[in-house]
C-alpha atoms as a PDB file:
ATOM      1  CA  MET A   1      -7.945 -15.540  -0.707  1.00  0.00           C
ATOM      2  CA  VAL A   2      -5.124 -13.229   0.408  1.00  0.00           C
ATOM      3  CA  GLU A   3      -5.996  -9.542   0.182  1.00  0.00           C
ATOM      4  CA  PRO A   4      -3.495  -7.506  -1.849  1.00  0.00           C
ATOM      5  CA  ILE A   5      -1.762  -4.515  -0.279  1.00  0.00           C
ATOM      6  CA  ALA A   6      -3.100  -2.441  -3.186  1.00  0.00           C
ATOM      7  CA  SER A   7      -5.263  -3.021  -6.225  1.00  0.00           C
ATOM      8  CA  PHE A   8      -5.961  -0.560  -9.013  1.00  0.00           C
ATOM      9  CA  GLU A   9      -6.240  -0.417 -12.780  1.00  0.00           C
ATOM     10  CA  GLY A  10      -3.590   1.607 -14.533  1.00  0.00           C
ATOM     11  CA  ALA A  11      -1.172   1.834 -17.421  1.00  0.00           C
ATOM     12  CA  VAL A  12       2.584   1.661 -17.756  1.00  0.00           C
ATOM     13  CA  VAL A  13       3.993   5.171 -18.149  1.00  0.00           C
ATOM     14  CA  ARG A  14       7.708   4.412 -18.344  1.00  0.00           C
ATOM     15  CA  VAL A  15      10.143   1.525 -18.107  1.00  0.00           C
ATOM     16  CA  LYS A  16      13.839   2.366 -17.814  1.00  0.00           C
ATOM     17  CA  THR A  17      17.145   1.062 -16.507  1.00  0.00           C
ATOM     18  CA  MET A  18      18.847   2.933 -13.680  1.00  0.00           C
ATOM     19  CA  ALA A  19      22.596   3.687 -13.582  1.00  0.00           C
ATOM     20  CA  ASP A  20      23.209   0.612 -11.395  1.00  0.00           C
ATOM     21  CA  GLY A  21      21.375  -1.625 -13.891  1.00  0.00           C
ATOM     22  CA  SER A  22      18.203  -2.053 -11.841  1.00  0.00           C
ATOM     23  CA  PRO A  23      14.853  -1.577 -13.583  1.00  0.00           C
ATOM     24  CA  ARG A  24      12.339   1.157 -12.757  1.00  0.00           C
ATOM     25  CA  PHE A  25       8.659   0.933 -13.658  1.00  0.00           C
ATOM     26  CA  GLU A  26       6.201   3.830 -13.469  1.00  0.00           C
ATOM     27  CA  PHE A  27       2.417   3.440 -13.655  1.00  0.00           C
ATOM     28  CA  GLU A  28      -0.498   5.824 -13.916  1.00  0.00           C
ATOM     29  CA  ALA A  29      -3.906   5.209 -12.375  1.00  0.00           C
ATOM     30  CA  PRO A  30      -7.274   6.974 -12.180  1.00  0.00           C
ATOM     31  CA  GLU A  31      -8.384   9.109  -9.227  1.00  0.00           C
ATOM     32  CA  GLN A  32     -10.123   6.057  -7.728  1.00  0.00           C
ATOM     33  CA  ALA A  33      -6.639   4.749  -6.839  1.00  0.00           C
ATOM     34  CA  ILE A  34      -5.823   7.647  -4.480  1.00  0.00           C
ATOM     35  CA  SER A  35      -6.581   5.483  -1.431  1.00  0.00           C
ATOM     36  CA  GLN A  36      -4.135   2.890  -2.757  1.00  0.00           C
ATOM     37  CA  MET A  37      -1.516   5.601  -3.267  1.00  0.00           C
ATOM     38  CA  GLN A  38      -1.467   6.213   0.492  1.00  0.00           C
ATOM     39  CA  VAL A  39      -0.962   2.504   1.211  1.00  0.00           C
ATOM     40  CA  LEU A  40       1.919   2.324  -1.259  1.00  0.00           C
ATOM     41  CA  ALA A  41       3.468   5.542   0.098  1.00  0.00           C
ATOM     42  CA  GLU A  42       3.414   4.021   3.599  1.00  0.00           C
ATOM     43  CA  ALA A  43       5.067   0.852   2.295  1.00  0.00           C
ATOM     44  CA  GLN A  44       7.723   2.999   0.626  1.00  0.00           C
ATOM     45  CA  ALA A  45       8.330   5.011   3.818  1.00  0.00           C
ATOM     46  CA  GLU A  46       8.693   1.758   5.781  1.00  0.00           C
ATOM     47  CA  ARG A  47      11.164   0.534   3.134  1.00  0.00           C
ATOM     48  CA  ARG A  48       9.086  -2.632   2.668  1.00  0.00           C
ATOM     49  CA  TYR A  49      10.102  -4.876  -0.215  1.00  0.00           C
ATOM     50  CA  LEU A  50       6.908  -5.859  -2.037  1.00  0.00           C
ATOM     51  CA  ARG A  51       5.850  -8.613  -4.391  1.00  0.00           C
ATOM     52  CA  VAL A  52       3.877  -7.004  -7.205  1.00  0.00           C
ATOM     53  CA  ILE A  53       1.400  -9.049  -9.197  1.00  0.00           C
ATOM     54  CA  VAL A  54       0.391  -7.416 -12.447  1.00  0.00           C
ATOM     55  CA  LEU A  55      -2.471  -8.693 -14.567  1.00  0.00           C
ATOM     56  CA  ASP A  56      -4.140  -7.306 -17.652  1.00  0.00           C
ATOM     57  CA  ALA A  57      -7.243  -5.492 -16.323  1.00  0.00           C
ATOM     58  CA  ASP A  58      -9.594  -7.587 -18.483  1.00  0.00           C
ATOM     59  CA  LYS A  59      -8.025 -10.837 -17.251  1.00  0.00           C
ATOM     60  CA  TRP A  60      -8.268  -9.662 -13.622  1.00  0.00           C
ATOM     61  CA  ASN A  61     -11.959  -8.811 -14.084  1.00  0.00           C
ATOM     62  CA  GLU A  62     -12.503 -12.280 -15.595  1.00  0.00           C
ATOM     63  CA  TYR A  63     -10.702 -13.848 -12.611  1.00  0.00           C
ATOM     64  CA  GLU A  64     -12.862 -11.907 -10.147  1.00  0.00           C
ATOM     65  CA  ARG A  65     -16.083 -12.935 -11.905  1.00  0.00           C
ATOM     66  CA  ASN A  66     -15.063 -16.590 -11.572  1.00  0.00           C
ATOM     67  CA  LEU A  67     -14.302 -16.508  -7.846  1.00  0.00           C
END
């Protein structure tokens, strides 16, 4: 299995359209995700384009139990 660049549970805070028409998504996460915040900040600083996979937390937990 490929390890994700970051993995945390969270909630959507805001979804909006920017002036150029591109979407912007904002998420919130618990304090346990602070280590993931650093990884994502580094990816942002390196201007890396990421593929984000979003799953409902309950479905992800079900997936993990069945590995």
